[in-house]
Amino acid sequence: MRKLSCLLSLWFLAFSTCFSATPPSKDMLVGTWELVAARSTTLTGKVDPFTFGKHPSGLLTFTAKGRMSMVVSDDGRKPLSVLDRVTAPVDERATAFSTFVAYAGRYAYEGNMLVYHVEVSSIQNWVNTDLRRFVTLDGTRLSVRTTPTQKGGVHETIELVFERLK
């Protein structure tokens, strides 16, 4: 466990230096952003350019009053076989849950990180927690990168790239 902790710390330090650009100001984030790309990078440096499929969809919205919401959907999601999400077959509901994430709440800057104070989420474990993200802005493109997280049993960072909607 200690070895994994050391590896995570070293990986996090090395990876974060690659993104040393100054984060955008809070005012520059206000508006709605559409997901255009997503990729993940493991501790060993393996990059998956299609972590949510080739054409994931999603929206990220920031308000001037410090509220945010984000939804991300994997590419290729299938509709449930019935309109009632409660009576749909268990395997369909499991797939629907594992291919979609949504959360909303307040946001703030702490140092060089954007912090989402989660108030509601499709993943109940995130409610009343803080999700920390590195952000960089390049023109109309916003990159949001997680701190090391676990997905499918693998430690990785996930980078989402959004384009500002007009």
N, C-alpha and C. Protein backbone atom coordinates (compact mmCIF):
# COMPACT_ATOMS: atom_id res chain seq x y z
N MET A 1 0.84 -1.19 0.00
CA MET A 1 0.00 0.00 0.00
C MET A 1 0.88 1.25 0.00
N ARG A 2 1.95 1.22 0.81
CA ARG A 2 2.84 2.38 0.86
C ARG A 2 3.51 2.61 -0.49
N LYS A 3 3.86 1.49 -1.15
CA LYS A 3 4.50 1.60 -2.47
C LYS A 3 3.54 2.26 -3.47
N LEU A 4 2.26 1.85 -3.44
CA LEU A 4 1.26 2.44 -4.32
C LEU A 4 1.09 3.93 -4.03
N SER A 5 1.08 4.28 -2.74
CA SER A 5 0.94 5.68 -2.34
C SER A 5 2.12 6.51 -2.87
N CYS A 6 3.33 5.97 -2.75
CA CYS A 6 4.52 6.67 -3.26
C CYS A 6 4.44 6.81 -4.78
N LEU A 7 4.03 5.73 -5.46
CA LEU A 7 3.90 5.79 -6.91
C LEU A 7 2.88 6.83 -7.34
N LEU A 8 1.74 6.86 -6.66
CA LEU A 8 0.72 7.86 -6.97
C LEU A 8 1.25 9.27 -6.76
N SER A 9 1.96 9.49 -5.67
CA SER A 9 2.51 10.82 -5.38
C SER A 9 3.50 11.25 -6.44
N LEU A 10 4.42 10.36 -6.82
CA LEU A 10 5.41 10.69 -7.84
C LEU A 10 4.75 10.93 -9.20
N TRP A 11 3.79 10.07 -9.53
CA TRP A 11 3.09 10.21 -10.80
C TRP A 11 2.33 11.52 -10.85
N PHE A 12 1.64 11.84 -9.76
CA PHE A 12 0.87 13.07 -9.68
C PHE A 12 1.78 14.28 -9.84
N LEU A 13 2.91 14.28 -9.15
CA LEU A 13 3.85 15.39 -9.23
C LEU A 13 4.39 15.54 -10.65
N ALA A 14 4.80 14.43 -11.25
CA ALA A 14 5.35 14.48 -12.60
C ALA A 14 4.29 14.92 -13.61
N PHE A 15 3.09 14.38 -13.48
CA PHE A 15 2.03 14.69 -14.43
C PHE A 15 1.57 16.13 -14.29
N SER A 16 1.50 16.63 -13.06
CA SER A 16 0.99 18.00 -12.86
C SER A 16 1.94 19.05 -13.41
N THR A 17 3.24 18.74 -13.50
CA THR A 17 4.18 19.71 -14.05
C THR A 17 3.98 19.89 -15.56
N CYS A 18 3.34 18.90 -16.21
CA CYS A 18 3.06 19.01 -17.63
C CYS A 18 1.96 20.04 -17.90
N PHE A 19 1.22 20.40 -16.88
CA PHE A 19 0.10 21.31 -17.02
C PHE A 19 0.32 22.53 -16.15
N SER A 20 1.42 23.20 -16.35
CA SER A 20 1.78 24.31 -15.48
C SER A 20 1.21 25.65 -15.95
N ALA A 21 0.39 25.64 -17.00
CA ALA A 21 -0.21 26.89 -17.47
C ALA A 21 -1.11 27.46 -16.38
N THR A 22 -1.21 28.78 -16.36
CA THR A 22 -2.05 29.45 -15.38
C THR A 22 -3.50 29.12 -15.65
N PRO A 23 -4.26 28.70 -14.63
CA PRO A 23 -5.67 28.41 -14.86
C PRO A 23 -6.44 29.68 -15.19
N PRO A 24 -7.54 29.53 -15.91
CA PRO A 24 -8.33 30.72 -16.24
C PRO A 24 -8.98 31.30 -14.99
N SER A 25 -9.34 32.57 -15.08
CA SER A 25 -10.05 33.18 -13.96
C SER A 25 -11.47 32.64 -13.92
N LYS A 26 -12.11 32.80 -12.77
CA LYS A 26 -13.48 32.32 -12.60
C LYS A 26 -14.41 32.95 -13.65
N ASP A 27 -14.22 34.24 -13.95
CA ASP A 27 -15.06 34.93 -14.92
C ASP A 27 -14.92 34.34 -16.32
N MET A 28 -13.74 33.84 -16.65
CA MET A 28 -13.49 33.28 -17.98
C MET A 28 -14.20 31.93 -18.16
N LEU A 29 -14.58 31.29 -17.07
CA LEU A 29 -15.25 29.99 -17.14
C LEU A 29 -16.75 30.10 -17.34
N VAL A 30 -17.33 31.23 -16.97
CA VAL A 30 -18.79 31.38 -16.98
C VAL A 30 -19.35 31.10 -18.37
N GLY A 31 -20.35 30.23 -18.41
CA GLY A 31 -20.99 29.84 -19.66
C GLY A 31 -21.13 28.33 -19.72
N THR A 32 -21.50 27.85 -20.91
CA THR A 32 -21.68 26.42 -21.12
C THR A 32 -20.65 25.92 -22.12
N TRP A 33 -20.10 24.77 -21.83
CA TRP A 33 -19.04 24.16 -22.60
C TRP A 33 -19.49 22.78 -23.07
N GLU A 34 -19.17 22.42 -24.31
CA GLU A 34 -19.53 21.11 -24.86
C GLU A 34 -18.31 20.21 -24.94
N LEU A 35 -18.46 18.97 -24.50
CA LEU A 35 -17.36 18.01 -24.53
C LEU A 35 -16.99 17.66 -25.96
N VAL A 36 -15.69 17.77 -26.29
CA VAL A 36 -15.23 17.42 -27.64
C VAL A 36 -14.22 16.28 -27.63
N ALA A 37 -13.63 15.98 -26.47
CA ALA A 37 -12.66 14.89 -26.40
C ALA A 37 -12.47 14.48 -24.95
N ALA A 38 -12.07 13.22 -24.77
CA ALA A 38 -11.78 12.70 -23.43
C ALA A 38 -10.69 11.65 -23.56
N ARG A 39 -9.75 11.69 -22.63
CA ARG A 39 -8.70 10.67 -22.63
C ARG A 39 -8.29 10.39 -21.19
N SER A 40 -7.69 9.23 -21.00
CA SER A 40 -7.19 8.88 -19.68
C SER A 40 -5.74 8.45 -19.80
N THR A 41 -4.99 8.64 -18.71
CA THR A 41 -3.60 8.23 -18.65
C THR A 41 -3.38 7.46 -17.36
N THR A 42 -2.83 6.25 -17.46
CA THR A 42 -2.60 5.42 -16.28
C THR A 42 -1.29 5.78 -15.60
N LEU A 43 -1.05 5.17 -14.43
CA LEU A 43 0.20 5.38 -13.70
C LEU A 43 1.42 5.01 -14.54
N THR A 44 1.26 4.02 -15.40
CA THR A 44 2.39 3.57 -16.23
C THR A 44 2.57 4.41 -17.48
N GLY A 45 1.68 5.39 -17.69
CA GLY A 45 1.79 6.27 -18.86
C GLY A 45 0.98 5.82 -20.06
N LYS A 46 0.23 4.74 -19.92
CA LYS A 46 -0.61 4.27 -21.03
C LYS A 46 -1.77 5.25 -21.22
N VAL A 47 -1.92 5.73 -22.47
CA VAL A 47 -2.95 6.70 -22.79
C VAL A 47 -4.08 6.01 -23.54
N ASP A 48 -5.30 6.25 -23.11
CA ASP A 48 -6.49 5.79 -23.80
C ASP A 48 -7.19 7.03 -24.35
N PRO A 49 -7.07 7.28 -25.67
CA PRO A 49 -7.67 8.50 -26.23
C PRO A 49 -9.20 8.43 -26.33
N PHE A 50 -9.76 7.27 -26.03
CA PHE A 50 -11.21 7.09 -26.15
C PHE A 50 -11.79 6.52 -24.85
N THR A 51 -11.44 7.12 -23.73
CA THR A 51 -11.86 6.61 -22.44
C THR A 51 -13.38 6.56 -22.28
N PHE A 52 -14.12 7.38 -23.01
CA PHE A 52 -15.58 7.35 -22.99
C PHE A 52 -16.12 7.04 -24.39
N GLY A 53 -15.31 6.38 -25.22
CA GLY A 53 -15.69 6.09 -26.60
C GLY A 53 -15.15 7.15 -27.54
N LYS A 54 -15.33 6.92 -28.83
CA LYS A 54 -14.79 7.86 -29.83
C LYS A 54 -15.52 9.18 -29.87
N HIS A 55 -16.82 9.16 -29.56
CA HIS A 55 -17.62 10.38 -29.63
C HIS A 55 -18.48 10.54 -28.38
N PRO A 56 -17.84 10.77 -27.23
CA PRO A 56 -18.65 10.98 -26.01
C PRO A 56 -19.38 12.31 -26.11
N SER A 57 -20.39 12.48 -25.30
CA SER A 57 -21.08 13.77 -25.28
C SER A 57 -21.14 14.27 -23.85
N GLY A 58 -21.22 15.57 -23.70
CA GLY A 58 -21.29 16.12 -22.37
C GLY A 58 -21.37 17.63 -22.40
N LEU A 59 -21.82 18.17 -21.29
CA LEU A 59 -21.91 19.61 -21.10
C LEU A 59 -21.38 19.97 -19.72
N LEU A 60 -20.71 21.10 -19.64
CA LEU A 60 -20.19 21.64 -18.39
C LEU A 60 -20.62 23.10 -18.34
N THR A 61 -21.31 23.48 -17.27
CA THR A 61 -21.82 24.84 -17.15
C THR A 61 -21.32 25.47 -15.86
N PHE A 62 -20.84 26.71 -15.96
CA PHE A 62 -20.44 27.51 -14.81
C PHE A 62 -21.28 28.78 -14.80
N THR A 63 -21.78 29.18 -13.62
CA THR A 63 -22.51 30.44 -13.51
C THR A 63 -21.62 31.48 -12.82
N ALA A 64 -21.97 32.73 -12.99
CA ALA A 64 -21.23 33.82 -12.35
C ALA A 64 -21.38 33.79 -10.84
N LYS A 65 -22.42 33.13 -10.35
CA LYS A 65 -22.67 33.07 -8.90
C LYS A 65 -22.03 31.85 -8.25
N GLY A 66 -21.12 31.16 -8.98
CA GLY A 66 -20.36 30.07 -8.37
C GLY A 66 -21.01 28.71 -8.38
N ARG A 67 -21.95 28.47 -9.29
CA ARG A 67 -22.59 27.16 -9.42
C ARG A 67 -22.05 26.47 -10.67
N MET A 68 -22.06 25.13 -10.64
CA MET A 68 -21.61 24.37 -11.80
C MET A 68 -22.45 23.11 -11.95
N SER A 69 -22.48 22.58 -13.16
CA SER A 69 -23.08 21.27 -13.41
C SER A 69 -22.36 20.63 -14.59
N MET A 70 -22.23 19.30 -14.52
CA MET A 70 -21.56 18.59 -15.59
C MET A 70 -22.27 17.26 -15.83
N VAL A 71 -22.44 16.92 -17.10
CA VAL A 71 -22.95 15.61 -17.49
C VAL A 71 -22.04 15.08 -18.59
N VAL A 72 -21.68 13.79 -18.50
CA VAL A 72 -20.86 13.16 -19.51
C VAL A 72 -21.45 11.79 -19.81
N SER A 73 -21.61 11.52 -21.09
CA SER A 73 -22.19 10.28 -21.56
C SER A 73 -21.22 9.57 -22.49
N ASP A 74 -21.00 8.29 -22.25
CA ASP A 74 -20.17 7.49 -23.15
C ASP A 74 -20.79 7.47 -24.55
N ASP A 75 -19.94 7.29 -25.53
CA ASP A 75 -20.37 7.10 -26.91
C ASP A 75 -21.07 5.74 -27.04
N GLY A 76 -22.10 5.68 -27.85
CA GLY A 76 -22.72 4.40 -28.15
C GLY A 76 -23.66 3.84 -27.11
N ARG A 77 -24.16 4.67 -26.20
CA ARG A 77 -25.11 4.18 -25.19
C ARG A 77 -26.38 3.69 -25.87
N LYS A 78 -26.89 2.58 -25.38
CA LYS A 78 -28.12 2.00 -25.92
C LYS A 78 -29.31 2.44 -25.06
N PRO A 79 -30.46 2.66 -25.68
CA PRO A 79 -31.65 2.98 -24.89
C PRO A 79 -32.12 1.75 -24.10
N LEU A 80 -32.80 1.99 -23.00
CA LEU A 80 -33.40 0.90 -22.26
C LEU A 80 -34.50 0.26 -23.11
N SER A 81 -34.79 -0.99 -22.87
CA SER A 81 -35.80 -1.69 -23.67
C SER A 81 -37.23 -1.26 -23.32
N VAL A 82 -37.37 -0.57 -22.17
CA VAL A 82 -38.67 -0.02 -21.76
C VAL A 82 -38.45 1.41 -21.29
N LEU A 83 -39.51 2.19 -21.27
CA LEU A 83 -39.38 3.58 -20.85
C LEU A 83 -39.24 3.74 -19.34
N ASP A 84 -39.63 2.75 -18.58
CA ASP A 84 -39.59 2.81 -17.12
C ASP A 84 -38.22 2.38 -16.61
N ARG A 85 -37.44 3.31 -16.11
CA ARG A 85 -36.08 3.00 -15.67
C ARG A 85 -36.04 2.06 -14.47
N VAL A 86 -37.12 1.96 -13.74
CA VAL A 86 -37.15 1.07 -12.57
C VAL A 86 -37.42 -0.37 -12.97
N THR A 87 -38.28 -0.58 -13.98
CA THR A 87 -38.60 -1.96 -14.38
C THR A 87 -37.73 -2.47 -15.53
N ALA A 88 -36.84 -1.65 -16.04
CA ALA A 88 -35.93 -2.11 -17.09
C ALA A 88 -35.07 -3.24 -16.53
N PRO A 89 -34.63 -4.17 -17.38
CA PRO A 89 -33.79 -5.27 -16.90
C PRO A 89 -32.54 -4.76 -16.17
N VAL A 90 -32.14 -5.49 -15.14
CA VAL A 90 -31.02 -5.09 -14.29
C VAL A 90 -29.74 -4.84 -15.09
N ASP A 91 -29.43 -5.70 -16.05
CA ASP A 91 -28.20 -5.52 -16.83
C ASP A 91 -28.23 -4.23 -17.65
N GLU A 92 -29.41 -3.86 -18.16
CA GLU A 92 -29.54 -2.60 -18.90
C GLU A 92 -29.34 -1.41 -17.98
N ARG A 93 -29.92 -1.48 -16.78
CA ARG A 93 -29.75 -0.38 -15.81
C ARG A 93 -28.30 -0.25 -15.39
N ALA A 94 -27.61 -1.36 -15.19
CA ALA A 94 -26.20 -1.33 -14.79
C ALA A 94 -25.36 -0.68 -15.89
N THR A 95 -25.62 -1.05 -17.12
CA THR A 95 -24.88 -0.45 -18.23
C THR A 95 -25.19 1.04 -18.34
N ALA A 96 -26.45 1.41 -18.20
CA ALA A 96 -26.83 2.83 -18.27
C ALA A 96 -26.12 3.63 -17.18
N PHE A 97 -26.07 3.08 -15.97
CA PHE A 97 -25.41 3.77 -14.86
C PHE A 97 -23.91 3.91 -15.10
N SER A 98 -23.26 2.85 -15.58
CA SER A 98 -21.81 2.87 -15.72
C SER A 98 -21.31 3.66 -16.93
N THR A 99 -22.22 4.10 -17.79
CA THR A 99 -21.82 4.86 -18.98
C THR A 99 -22.27 6.31 -18.94
N PHE A 100 -22.63 6.79 -17.76
CA PHE A 100 -23.12 8.16 -17.64
C PHE A 100 -22.75 8.70 -16.26
N VAL A 101 -22.27 9.92 -16.22
CA VAL A 101 -21.97 10.56 -14.93
C VAL A 101 -22.49 11.99 -14.97
N ALA A 102 -23.06 12.43 -13.86
CA ALA A 102 -23.56 13.79 -13.75
C ALA A 102 -23.37 14.26 -12.32
N TYR A 103 -23.01 15.52 -12.17
CA TYR A 103 -22.94 16.11 -10.83
C TYR A 103 -23.06 17.62 -10.93
N ALA A 104 -23.45 18.22 -9.80
CA ALA A 104 -23.64 19.67 -9.76
C ALA A 104 -23.41 20.16 -8.34
N GLY A 105 -23.12 21.44 -8.24
CA GLY A 105 -22.91 22.05 -6.94
C GLY A 105 -22.24 23.40 -7.08
N ARG A 106 -21.47 23.77 -6.08
CA ARG A 106 -20.73 25.02 -6.11
C ARG A 106 -19.32 24.75 -6.60
N TYR A 107 -18.63 25.81 -7.04
CA TYR A 107 -17.23 25.66 -7.43
C TYR A 107 -16.43 26.85 -6.94
N ALA A 108 -15.14 26.63 -6.74
CA ALA A 108 -14.23 27.68 -6.27
C ALA A 108 -12.81 27.32 -6.69
N TYR A 109 -11.93 28.33 -6.64
CA TYR A 109 -10.51 28.07 -6.87
C TYR A 109 -9.80 27.95 -5.53
N GLU A 110 -8.91 26.98 -5.43
CA GLU A 110 -8.02 26.82 -4.27
C GLU A 110 -6.63 26.61 -4.84
N GLY A 111 -5.80 27.63 -4.71
CA GLY A 111 -4.46 27.53 -5.30
C GLY A 111 -4.58 27.45 -6.80
N ASN A 112 -4.00 26.40 -7.38
CA ASN A 112 -4.07 26.25 -8.84
C ASN A 112 -5.12 25.23 -9.26
N MET A 113 -6.07 24.94 -8.38
CA MET A 113 -7.07 23.94 -8.67
C MET A 113 -8.49 24.50 -8.61
N LEU A 114 -9.32 23.96 -9.48
CA LEU A 114 -10.74 24.22 -9.43
C LEU A 114 -11.34 23.13 -8.54
N VAL A 115 -12.17 23.53 -7.59
CA VAL A 115 -12.77 22.57 -6.66
C VAL A 115 -14.28 22.61 -6.82
N TYR A 116 -14.84 21.44 -7.13
CA TYR A 116 -16.29 21.29 -7.21
C TYR A 116 -16.78 20.79 -5.85
N HIS A 117 -17.65 21.53 -5.21
CA HIS A 117 -18.29 21.11 -3.96
C HIS A 117 -19.59 20.42 -4.37
N VAL A 118 -19.57 19.10 -4.46
CA VAL A 118 -20.68 18.34 -5.04
C VAL A 118 -21.88 18.30 -4.10
N GLU A 119 -23.04 18.69 -4.63
CA GLU A 119 -24.28 18.68 -3.87
C GLU A 119 -25.25 17.60 -4.36
N VAL A 120 -25.16 17.24 -5.63
CA VAL A 120 -25.99 16.18 -6.20
C VAL A 120 -25.15 15.48 -7.27
N SER A 121 -25.29 14.15 -7.35
CA SER A 121 -24.48 13.40 -8.31
C SER A 121 -25.13 12.08 -8.64
N SER A 122 -24.85 11.60 -9.85
CA SER A 122 -25.30 10.26 -10.23
C SER A 122 -24.53 9.21 -9.43
N ILE A 123 -23.38 9.58 -8.90
CA ILE A 123 -22.59 8.71 -8.03
C ILE A 123 -22.76 9.25 -6.62
N GLN A 124 -23.62 8.63 -5.86
CA GLN A 124 -24.00 9.14 -4.54
C GLN A 124 -22.79 9.34 -3.62
N ASN A 125 -21.76 8.54 -3.78
CA ASN A 125 -20.55 8.66 -2.95
C ASN A 125 -19.88 10.02 -3.08
N TRP A 126 -20.13 10.74 -4.16
CA TRP A 126 -19.50 12.04 -4.37
C TRP A 126 -20.26 13.18 -3.69
N VAL A 127 -21.51 12.95 -3.29
CA VAL A 127 -22.30 14.00 -2.66
C VAL A 127 -21.64 14.41 -1.34
N ASN A 128 -21.59 15.72 -1.12
CA ASN A 128 -20.94 16.32 0.06
C ASN A 128 -19.44 16.07 0.11
N THR A 129 -18.82 15.92 -1.07
CA THR A 129 -17.37 15.82 -1.16
C THR A 129 -16.87 16.91 -2.10
N ASP A 130 -15.57 17.08 -2.15
CA ASP A 130 -14.94 18.02 -3.07
C ASP A 130 -14.19 17.23 -4.14
N LEU A 131 -14.44 17.56 -5.40
CA LEU A 131 -13.70 16.98 -6.52
C LEU A 131 -12.73 18.05 -7.01
N ARG A 132 -11.46 17.73 -7.04
CA ARG A 132 -10.42 18.70 -7.42
C ARG A 132 -10.01 18.47 -8.87
N ARG A 133 -9.89 19.58 -9.62
CA ARG A 133 -9.59 19.52 -11.04
C ARG A 133 -8.57 20.59 -11.41
N PHE A 134 -7.64 20.21 -12.30
CA PHE A 134 -6.75 21.18 -12.92
C PHE A 134 -7.44 21.67 -14.18
N VAL A 135 -7.39 22.96 -14.44
CA VAL A 135 -8.02 23.50 -15.65
C VAL A 135 -7.03 24.38 -16.40
N THR A 136 -7.11 24.31 -17.72
CA THR A 136 -6.35 25.22 -18.58
C THR A 136 -7.29 25.68 -19.68
N LEU A 137 -7.09 26.89 -20.12
CA LEU A 137 -7.92 27.49 -21.16
C LEU A 137 -7.03 27.90 -22.32
N ASP A 138 -7.40 27.47 -23.52
CA ASP A 138 -6.67 27.82 -24.73
C ASP A 138 -7.69 28.32 -25.74
N GLY A 139 -7.90 29.62 -25.77
CA GLY A 139 -8.90 30.19 -26.65
C GLY A 139 -10.30 29.79 -26.21
N THR A 140 -10.99 29.04 -27.08
CA THR A 140 -12.34 28.58 -26.74
C THR A 140 -12.35 27.14 -26.25
N ARG A 141 -11.17 26.58 -25.96
CA ARG A 141 -11.06 25.20 -25.47
C ARG A 141 -10.66 25.19 -24.00
N LEU A 142 -11.41 24.43 -23.23
CA LEU A 142 -11.16 24.29 -21.80
C LEU A 142 -10.80 22.84 -21.51
N SER A 143 -9.64 22.61 -20.90
CA SER A 143 -9.23 21.27 -20.49
C SER A 143 -9.40 21.14 -19.00
N VAL A 144 -10.06 20.06 -18.58
CA VAL A 144 -10.31 19.78 -17.18
C VAL A 144 -9.69 18.41 -16.89
N ARG A 145 -8.75 18.36 -15.96
CA ARG A 145 -8.02 17.12 -15.67
C ARG A 145 -8.20 16.74 -14.21
N THR A 146 -8.55 15.49 -13.98
CA THR A 146 -8.74 15.00 -12.61
C THR A 146 -7.41 14.80 -11.92
N THR A 147 -7.45 14.75 -10.60
CA THR A 147 -6.33 14.21 -9.85
C THR A 147 -6.40 12.70 -10.04
N PRO A 148 -5.37 11.94 -9.67
CA PRO A 148 -5.43 10.48 -9.86
C PRO A 148 -6.67 9.88 -9.21
N THR A 149 -7.36 9.08 -9.99
CA THR A 149 -8.61 8.46 -9.56
C THR A 149 -8.62 7.01 -10.00
N GLN A 150 -9.56 6.26 -9.52
CA GLN A 150 -9.65 4.87 -9.92
C GLN A 150 -10.88 4.66 -10.79
N LYS A 151 -10.68 4.03 -11.94
CA LYS A 151 -11.77 3.73 -12.87
C LYS A 151 -11.55 2.31 -13.37
N GLY A 152 -12.51 1.44 -13.13
CA GLY A 152 -12.37 0.06 -13.57
C GLY A 152 -11.21 -0.65 -12.92
N GLY A 153 -10.85 -0.25 -11.69
CA GLY A 153 -9.76 -0.89 -10.97
C GLY A 153 -8.38 -0.38 -11.34
N VAL A 154 -8.31 0.63 -12.21
CA VAL A 154 -7.03 1.18 -12.67
C VAL A 154 -6.91 2.62 -12.20
N HIS A 155 -5.74 2.98 -11.62
CA HIS A 155 -5.49 4.36 -11.24
C HIS A 155 -5.11 5.16 -12.49
N GLU A 156 -5.78 6.29 -12.69
CA GLU A 156 -5.54 7.10 -13.87
C GLU A 156 -5.98 8.53 -13.63
N THR A 157 -5.57 9.41 -14.53
CA THR A 157 -6.15 10.75 -14.58
C THR A 157 -7.00 10.79 -15.83
N ILE A 158 -8.05 11.57 -15.77
CA ILE A 158 -8.94 11.72 -16.92
C ILE A 158 -8.92 13.18 -17.32
N GLU A 159 -8.71 13.42 -18.60
CA GLU A 159 -8.74 14.78 -19.12
C GLU A 159 -9.91 14.92 -20.07
N LEU A 160 -10.75 15.90 -19.78
CA LEU A 160 -11.90 16.22 -20.63
C LEU A 160 -11.62 17.55 -21.31
N VAL A 161 -11.87 17.62 -22.60
CA VAL A 161 -11.66 18.86 -23.35
C VAL A 161 -13.02 19.35 -23.83
N PHE A 162 -13.31 20.60 -23.49
CA PHE A 162 -14.60 21.22 -23.83
C PHE A 162 -14.38 22.41 -24.75
N GLU A 163 -15.37 22.66 -25.60
CA GLU A 163 -15.38 23.83 -26.48
C GLU A 163 -16.51 24.73 -25.99
N ARG A 164 -16.22 26.04 -25.89
CA ARG A 164 -17.25 26.98 -25.43
C ARG A 164 -18.40 27.05 -26.43
N LEU A 165 -19.63 26.94 -25.92
CA LEU A 165 -20.81 27.11 -26.78
C LEU A 165 -21.13 28.59 -26.87
N LYS A 166 -21.64 28.99 -28.00
CA LYS A 166 -21.99 30.39 -28.21
C LYS A 166 -23.44 30.62 -27.99
